[in-house]
């Protein structure tokens, strides 16, 4: 079991926590991280670009003039791509870019990013993230002045009272250098966007249970 120090929001050590090596001290597989980030970015593509080819443009059913004897170049349709108002040759089509790697790959990528941040010393565990009220200035003071973080992703868990999570996320969401997510929304791309990762102990236990 990997042992981590647990701090409060004043950066004072309040205890330790043991977490599974298979989740927080696993071998970092960069390929899995790349594959899942590629999936997330591809799934955001709307794929709505579309241009009509000659089969989709209205009209052009009749040959504009006979094949031979007119002195003009032969033509089969006024909707061919060389005509004004004709269809586009090799036109781009609307398509769906969605794909989903196996669950084993997705979970492996999450284990890799958690283990990467832990091995870098950029994983910070706090006992809770209770700010008391929704206040962006208070969140900035805690993250920068108290915890000494220039940029980080904060992951908080729910509980009997969802107020703590709501306050934390709403207080952090307007900060340029910080992001906040509920533990259910923790993902590889968001973790890579920030150099530091902050987990509440409840969020760490949740991830340990899901990924073990």
C-alpha atoms as a PDB file:
ATOM      1  CA  UNK A   1       0.000   0.000   0.000  1.00  0.00           C
ATOM      2  CA  UNK A   2       1.198   3.497  -0.846  1.00  0.00           C
ATOM      3  CA  UNK A   3       1.197   5.935   2.073  1.00  0.00           C
ATOM      4  CA  UNK A   4       0.390   9.627   1.571  1.00  0.00           C
ATOM      5  CA  UNK A   5       0.323  12.554   3.972  1.00  0.00           C
ATOM      6  CA  UNK A   6      -3.040  14.260   4.447  1.00  0.00           C
ATOM      7  CA  UNK A   7      -3.245  18.025   4.944  1.00  0.00           C
ATOM      8  CA  UNK A   8      -5.917  20.529   5.859  1.00  0.00           C
ATOM      9  CA  UNK A   9      -6.553  23.741   3.911  1.00  0.00           C
ATOM     10  CA  UNK A  10      -3.875  25.512   5.980  1.00  0.00           C
ATOM     11  CA  UNK A  11      -1.243  23.044   4.627  1.00  0.00           C
ATOM     12  CA  UNK A  12      -0.889  21.491   8.069  1.00  0.00           C
ATOM     13  CA  UNK A  13      -0.415  17.734   8.202  1.00  0.00           C
ATOM     14  CA  UNK A  14      -3.371  16.097   9.910  1.00  0.00           C
ATOM     15  CA  UNK A  15      -2.643  12.424   9.232  1.00  0.00           C
ATOM     16  CA  UNK A  16      -1.774   9.803   6.648  1.00  0.00           C
ATOM     17  CA  UNK A  17      -3.716   7.562   4.320  1.00  0.00           C
ATOM     18  CA  UNK A  18      -2.866   4.248   2.699  1.00  0.00           C
ATOM     19  CA  UNK A  19      -4.008   3.741  -0.884  1.00  0.00           C
ATOM     20  CA  UNK A  20      -3.674   0.791  -3.243  1.00  0.00           C
ATOM     21  CA  UNK A  21      -0.395   0.519  -5.154  1.00  0.00           C
ATOM     22  CA  UNK A  22      -2.326  -0.712  -8.191  1.00  0.00           C
ATOM     23  CA  UNK A  23      -4.013   2.704  -8.471  1.00  0.00           C
ATOM     24  CA  UNK A  24      -1.590   5.270  -7.040  1.00  0.00           C
ATOM     25  CA  UNK A  25       1.779   3.575  -7.566  1.00  0.00           C
ATOM     26  CA  UNK A  26       1.213   1.646 -10.790  1.00  0.00           C
ATOM     27  CA  UNK A  27       3.467   1.588 -13.830  1.00  0.00           C
ATOM     28  CA  UNK A  28       2.739   4.647 -15.994  1.00  0.00           C
ATOM     29  CA  UNK A  29       1.567   3.601 -19.447  1.00  0.00           C
ATOM     30  CA  UNK A  30       1.866   6.654 -21.704  1.00  0.00           C
ATOM     31  CA  UNK A  31       0.149   4.894 -24.592  1.00  0.00           C
ATOM     32  CA  UNK A  32      -3.037   4.409 -22.564  1.00  0.00           C
ATOM     33  CA  UNK A  33      -3.014   8.081 -21.577  1.00  0.00           C
ATOM     34  CA  UNK A  34      -2.595   9.107 -25.222  1.00  0.00           C
ATOM     35  CA  UNK A  35      -5.351   6.777 -26.387  1.00  0.00           C
ATOM     36  CA  UNK A  36      -7.894   8.098 -23.889  1.00  0.00           C
ATOM     37  CA  UNK A  37      -7.042  11.760 -24.519  1.00  0.00           C
ATOM     38  CA  UNK A  38      -7.428  11.117 -28.240  1.00  0.00           C
ATOM     39  CA  UNK A  39     -10.837   9.571 -27.534  1.00  0.00           C
ATOM     40  CA  UNK A  40     -11.952  12.585 -25.482  1.00  0.00           C
ATOM     41  CA  UNK A  41     -10.870  15.065 -28.144  1.00  0.00           C
ATOM     42  CA  UNK A  42     -12.376  13.055 -30.996  1.00  0.00           C
ATOM     43  CA  UNK A  43     -15.694  12.694 -29.188  1.00  0.00           C
ATOM     44  CA  UNK A  44     -15.972  16.479 -28.915  1.00  0.00           C
ATOM     45  CA  UNK A  45     -15.808  16.883 -32.693  1.00  0.00           C
ATOM     46  CA  UNK A  46     -19.228  17.705 -34.055  1.00  0.00           C
ATOM     47  CA  UNK A  47     -18.535  16.446 -37.575  1.00  0.00           C
ATOM     48  CA  UNK A  48     -21.234  18.694 -39.033  1.00  0.00           C
ATOM     49  CA  UNK A  49     -19.251  19.955 -42.041  1.00  0.00           C
ATOM     50  CA  UNK A  50     -20.964  18.863 -45.235  1.00  0.00           C
ATOM     51  CA  UNK A  51     -20.866  19.895 -48.901  1.00  0.00           C
ATOM     52  CA  UNK A  52     -23.125  18.624 -51.675  1.00  0.00           C
ATOM     53  CA  UNK A  53     -21.599  16.426 -54.325  1.00  0.00           C
ATOM     54  CA  UNK A  54     -23.134  16.137 -57.797  1.00  0.00           C
ATOM     55  CA  UNK A  55     -25.598  13.471 -56.689  1.00  0.00           C
ATOM     56  CA  UNK A  56     -27.062  15.796 -54.043  1.00  0.00           C
ATOM     57  CA  UNK A  57     -27.422  18.991 -56.126  1.00  0.00           C
ATOM     58  CA  UNK A  58     -30.901  19.526 -57.590  1.00  0.00           C
ATOM     59  CA  UNK A  59     -31.314  19.360 -61.358  1.00  0.00           C
ATOM     60  CA  UNK A  60     -28.954  18.129 -64.031  1.00  0.00           C
ATOM     61  CA  UNK A  61     -30.911  15.061 -64.961  1.00  0.00           C
ATOM     62  CA  UNK A  62     -30.806  15.780 -68.676  1.00  0.00           C
ATOM     63  CA  UNK A  63     -27.679  15.819 -70.855  1.00  0.00           C
ATOM     64  CA  UNK A  64     -27.209  19.540 -71.732  1.00  0.00           C
ATOM     65  CA  UNK A  65     -26.480  18.844 -75.426  1.00  0.00           C
ATOM     66  CA  UNK A  66     -25.829  15.888 -77.644  1.00  0.00           C
ATOM     67  CA  UNK A  67     -22.514  14.123 -77.443  1.00  0.00           C
ATOM     68  CA  UNK A  68     -21.178  14.931 -80.912  1.00  0.00           C
ATOM     69  CA  UNK A  69     -21.513  17.502 -83.654  1.00  0.00           C
ATOM     70  CA  UNK A  70     -21.965  20.717 -81.657  1.00  0.00           C
ATOM     71  CA  UNK A  71     -18.307  21.773 -81.561  1.00  0.00           C
ATOM     72  CA  UNK A  72     -18.455  22.056 -77.782  1.00  0.00           C
ATOM     73  CA  UNK A  73     -16.879  19.834 -75.197  1.00  0.00           C
ATOM     74  CA  UNK A  74     -18.976  16.839 -74.226  1.00  0.00           C
ATOM     75  CA  UNK A  75     -20.999  17.259 -71.054  1.00  0.00           C
ATOM     76  CA  UNK A  76     -23.181  14.851 -69.149  1.00  0.00           C
ATOM     77  CA  UNK A  77     -24.808  17.106 -66.557  1.00  0.00           C
ATOM     78  CA  UNK A  78     -25.026  20.769 -65.662  1.00  0.00           C
ATOM     79  CA  UNK A  79     -24.450  19.708 -62.049  1.00  0.00           C
ATOM     80  CA  UNK A  80     -20.966  18.261 -62.678  1.00  0.00           C
ATOM     81  CA  UNK A  81     -18.199  19.824 -60.563  1.00  0.00           C
ATOM     82  CA  UNK A  82     -16.785  21.976 -63.400  1.00  0.00           C
ATOM     83  CA  UNK A  83     -20.095  23.829 -63.833  1.00  0.00           C
ATOM     84  CA  UNK A  84     -21.108  26.919 -61.858  1.00  0.00           C
ATOM     85  CA  UNK A  85     -23.721  25.664 -59.401  1.00  0.00           C
ATOM     86  CA  UNK A  86     -22.465  22.100 -59.759  1.00  0.00           C
ATOM     87  CA  UNK A  87     -21.587  19.697 -56.989  1.00  0.00           C
ATOM     88  CA  UNK A  88     -18.226  19.609 -55.242  1.00  0.00           C
ATOM     89  CA  UNK A  89     -15.820  16.897 -56.353  1.00  0.00           C
ATOM     90  CA  UNK A  90     -14.744  14.666 -53.434  1.00  0.00           C
ATOM     91  CA  UNK A  91     -16.859  16.722 -51.043  1.00  0.00           C
ATOM     92  CA  UNK A  92     -16.428  16.379 -47.268  1.00  0.00           C
ATOM     93  CA  UNK A  93     -19.275  14.453 -45.665  1.00  0.00           C
ATOM     94  CA  UNK A  94     -20.967  14.750 -42.278  1.00  0.00           C
ATOM     95  CA  UNK A  95     -19.651  12.033 -40.007  1.00  0.00           C
ATOM     96  CA  UNK A  96     -19.571  10.898 -36.394  1.00  0.00           C
ATOM     97  CA  UNK A  97     -16.101  10.726 -34.845  1.00  0.00           C
ATOM     98  CA  UNK A  98     -17.276   8.987 -31.661  1.00  0.00           C
ATOM     99  CA  UNK A  99     -15.394   5.929 -30.488  1.00  0.00           C
ATOM    100  CA  UNK A 100     -14.857   4.295 -27.127  1.00  0.00           C
ATOM    101  CA  UNK A 101     -11.841   2.204 -26.125  1.00  0.00           C
ATOM    102  CA  UNK A 102     -12.437  -0.791 -23.838  1.00  0.00           C
ATOM    103  CA  UNK A 103     -13.071  -0.135 -20.150  1.00  0.00           C
ATOM    104  CA  UNK A 104      -9.736  -1.776 -19.347  1.00  0.00           C
ATOM    105  CA  UNK A 105      -7.940   0.879 -21.400  1.00  0.00           C
ATOM    106  CA  UNK A 106      -9.908   3.773 -19.874  1.00  0.00           C
ATOM    107  CA  UNK A 107      -9.316   2.579 -16.312  1.00  0.00           C
ATOM    108  CA  UNK A 108      -5.649   1.896 -17.056  1.00  0.00           C
ATOM    109  CA  UNK A 109      -5.232   5.485 -18.257  1.00  0.00           C
ATOM    110  CA  UNK A 110      -6.766   6.845 -15.043  1.00  0.00           C
ATOM    111  CA  UNK A 111      -4.469   4.667 -12.947  1.00  0.00           C
ATOM    112  CA  UNK A 112      -1.494   5.878 -15.006  1.00  0.00           C
ATOM    113  CA  UNK A 113      -2.264   9.582 -14.578  1.00  0.00           C
ATOM    114  CA  UNK A 114      -2.830   9.192 -10.822  1.00  0.00           C
ATOM    115  CA  UNK A 115       0.439   7.264 -10.488  1.00  0.00           C
ATOM    116  CA  UNK A 116       2.258   9.834 -12.661  1.00  0.00           C
ATOM    117  CA  UNK A 117       1.191  12.731 -10.465  1.00  0.00           C
ATOM    118  CA  UNK A 118       2.093  10.765  -7.341  1.00  0.00           C
ATOM    119  CA  UNK A 119       5.554   9.873  -8.681  1.00  0.00           C
ATOM    120  CA  UNK A 120       6.174  13.519  -9.593  1.00  0.00           C
ATOM    121  CA  UNK A 121       5.249  14.634  -6.078  1.00  0.00           C
ATOM    122  CA  UNK A 122       2.398  16.683  -7.536  1.00  0.00           C
ATOM    123  CA  UNK A 123      -0.437  14.814  -5.829  1.00  0.00           C
ATOM    124  CA  UNK A 124      -1.813  16.550  -2.746  1.00  0.00           C
ATOM    125  CA  UNK A 125      -4.381  14.935  -0.445  1.00  0.00           C
ATOM    126  CA  UNK A 126      -6.567  17.105   1.786  1.00  0.00           C
ATOM    127  CA  UNK A 127      -8.995  15.952   4.447  1.00  0.00           C
ATOM    128  CA  UNK A 128     -11.759  18.091   2.920  1.00  0.00           C
ATOM    129  CA  UNK A 129     -12.267  21.155   0.763  1.00  0.00           C
ATOM    130  CA  UNK A 130     -14.843  22.968   2.838  1.00  0.00           C
ATOM    131  CA  UNK A 131     -14.667  26.685   2.008  1.00  0.00           C
ATOM    132  CA  UNK A 132     -17.779  27.545   3.982  1.00  0.00           C
ATOM    133  CA  UNK A 133     -19.321  29.737   1.295  1.00  0.00           C
ATOM    134  CA  UNK A 134     -19.173  30.216  -2.451  1.00  0.00           C
ATOM    135  CA  UNK A 135     -16.364  32.746  -2.755  1.00  0.00           C
ATOM    136  CA  UNK A 136     -13.790  32.788  -5.557  1.00  0.00           C
ATOM    137  CA  UNK A 137     -11.344  34.988  -3.632  1.00  0.00           C
ATOM    138  CA  UNK A 138     -11.375  32.541  -0.717  1.00  0.00           C
ATOM    139  CA  UNK A 139     -10.673  29.610  -3.087  1.00  0.00           C
ATOM    140  CA  UNK A 140      -7.762  31.510  -4.669  1.00  0.00           C
ATOM    141  CA  UNK A 141      -6.310  32.324  -1.266  1.00  0.00           C
ATOM    142  CA  UNK A 142      -6.477  28.675  -0.168  1.00  0.00           C
ATOM    143  CA  UNK A 143      -4.972  27.267  -3.364  1.00  0.00           C
ATOM    144  CA  UNK A 144      -2.211  29.808  -3.935  1.00  0.00           C
ATOM    145  CA  UNK A 145      -1.330  31.286  -0.543  1.00  0.00           C
ATOM    146  CA  UNK A 146      -2.104  28.383   1.790  1.00  0.00           C
ATOM    147  CA  UNK A 147      -1.452  25.289  -0.347  1.00  0.00           C
ATOM    148  CA  UNK A 148       1.216  26.953  -2.513  1.00  0.00           C
ATOM    149  CA  UNK A 149      -0.129  25.726  -5.849  1.00  0.00           C
ATOM    150  CA  UNK A 150       0.385  27.780  -9.050  1.00  0.00           C
ATOM    151  CA  UNK A 151      -2.083  25.678 -11.040  1.00  0.00           C
ATOM    152  CA  UNK A 152      -4.071  22.566 -10.145  1.00  0.00           C
ATOM    153  CA  UNK A 153      -7.095  20.366 -10.683  1.00  0.00           C
ATOM    154  CA  UNK A 154      -9.184  19.914  -7.539  1.00  0.00           C
ATOM    155  CA  UNK A 155     -11.299  16.746  -7.304  1.00  0.00           C
ATOM    156  CA  UNK A 156     -13.947  16.552  -4.602  1.00  0.00           C
ATOM    157  CA  UNK A 157     -16.332  13.778  -3.613  1.00  0.00           C
ATOM    158  CA  UNK A 158     -19.972  13.989  -2.689  1.00  0.00           C
ATOM    159  CA  UNK A 159     -21.438  12.792   0.551  1.00  0.00           C
ATOM    160  CA  UNK A 160     -24.507  13.029   2.736  1.00  0.00           C
ATOM    161  CA  UNK A 161     -24.288  16.797   2.315  1.00  0.00           C
ATOM    162  CA  UNK A 162     -23.549  17.883  -1.264  1.00  0.00           C
ATOM    163  CA  UNK A 163     -23.042  21.468  -0.133  1.00  0.00           C
ATOM    164  CA  UNK A 164     -19.257  21.144   0.294  1.00  0.00           C
ATOM    165  CA  UNK A 165     -18.799  19.884  -3.254  1.00  0.00           C
ATOM    166  CA  UNK A 166     -21.080  22.548  -4.734  1.00  0.00           C
ATOM    167  CA  UNK A 167     -19.277  25.332  -2.869  1.00  0.00           C
ATOM    168  CA  UNK A 168     -15.831  24.102  -3.918  1.00  0.00           C
ATOM    169  CA  UNK A 169     -16.693  23.699  -7.619  1.00  0.00           C
ATOM    170  CA  UNK A 170     -18.541  27.017  -7.909  1.00  0.00           C
ATOM    171  CA  UNK A 171     -15.774  28.876  -6.059  1.00  0.00           C
ATOM    172  CA  UNK A 172     -12.998  27.503  -8.292  1.00  0.00           C
ATOM    173  CA  UNK A 173     -14.667  27.476 -11.713  1.00  0.00           C
ATOM    174  CA  UNK A 174     -13.886  31.140 -12.492  1.00  0.00           C
ATOM    175  CA  UNK A 175     -10.180  30.866 -11.654  1.00  0.00           C
ATOM    176  CA  UNK A 176      -7.962  30.928 -14.732  1.00  0.00           C
ATOM    177  CA  UNK A 177      -5.267  28.582 -13.396  1.00  0.00           C
ATOM    178  CA  UNK A 178      -7.452  26.119 -11.509  1.00  0.00           C
ATOM    179  CA  UNK A 179     -10.168  23.606 -12.349  1.00  0.00           C
ATOM    180  CA  UNK A 180     -12.547  21.665 -10.118  1.00  0.00           C
ATOM    181  CA  UNK A 181     -14.432  18.456 -10.829  1.00  0.00           C
ATOM    182  CA  UNK A 182     -16.662  16.044  -8.928  1.00  0.00           C
ATOM    183  CA  UNK A 183     -14.916  12.715  -8.520  1.00  0.00           C
ATOM    184  CA  UNK A 184     -17.373  11.085 -10.950  1.00  0.00           C
ATOM    185  CA  UNK A 185     -16.164  13.473 -13.675  1.00  0.00           C
ATOM    186  CA  UNK A 186     -12.431  12.965 -13.112  1.00  0.00           C
ATOM    187  CA  UNK A 187     -10.777  12.356 -16.483  1.00  0.00           C
ATOM    188  CA  UNK A 188      -7.334  12.067 -18.039  1.00  0.00           C
ATOM    189  CA  UNK A 189      -7.424  15.194 -20.189  1.00  0.00           C
ATOM    190  CA  UNK A 190      -8.461  17.428 -17.278  1.00  0.00           C
ATOM    191  CA  UNK A 191      -5.686  15.954 -15.110  1.00  0.00           C
ATOM    192  CA  UNK A 192      -3.070  16.577 -17.805  1.00  0.00           C
ATOM    193  CA  UNK A 193      -4.172  20.189 -18.278  1.00  0.00           C
ATOM    194  CA  UNK A 194      -2.894  21.132 -14.807  1.00  0.00           C
ATOM    195  CA  UNK A 195       0.512  20.221 -13.326  1.00  0.00           C
ATOM    196  CA  UNK A 196      -0.854  19.529  -9.824  1.00  0.00           C
ATOM    197  CA  UNK A 197      -3.696  17.321  -8.632  1.00  0.00           C
ATOM    198  CA  UNK A 198      -5.586  17.884  -5.375  1.00  0.00           C
ATOM    199  CA  UNK A 199      -7.813  15.109  -4.038  1.00  0.00           C
ATOM    200  CA  UNK A 200      -9.936  15.017  -0.947  1.00  0.00           C
ATOM    201  CA  UNK A 201      -9.510  11.797   1.013  1.00  0.00           C
ATOM    202  CA  UNK A 202     -13.081  10.816   0.123  1.00  0.00           C
ATOM    203  CA  UNK A 203     -12.336  11.322  -3.569  1.00  0.00           C
ATOM    204  CA  UNK A 204      -9.143   9.263  -3.277  1.00  0.00           C
ATOM    205  CA  UNK A 205     -11.065   6.403  -1.613  1.00  0.00           C
ATOM    206  CA  UNK A 206     -13.716   6.587  -4.309  1.00  0.00           C
ATOM    207  CA  UNK A 207     -11.125   6.366  -7.106  1.00  0.00           C
ATOM    208  CA  UNK A 208      -9.341   3.530  -5.297  1.00  0.00           C
ATOM    209  CA  UNK A 209     -12.584   1.559  -5.121  1.00  0.00           C
ATOM    210  CA  UNK A 210     -13.518   2.163  -8.748  1.00  0.00           C
ATOM    211  CA  UNK A 211     -10.069   1.509 -10.244  1.00  0.00           C
ATOM    212  CA  UNK A 212      -8.734  -1.310  -8.060  1.00  0.00           C
END
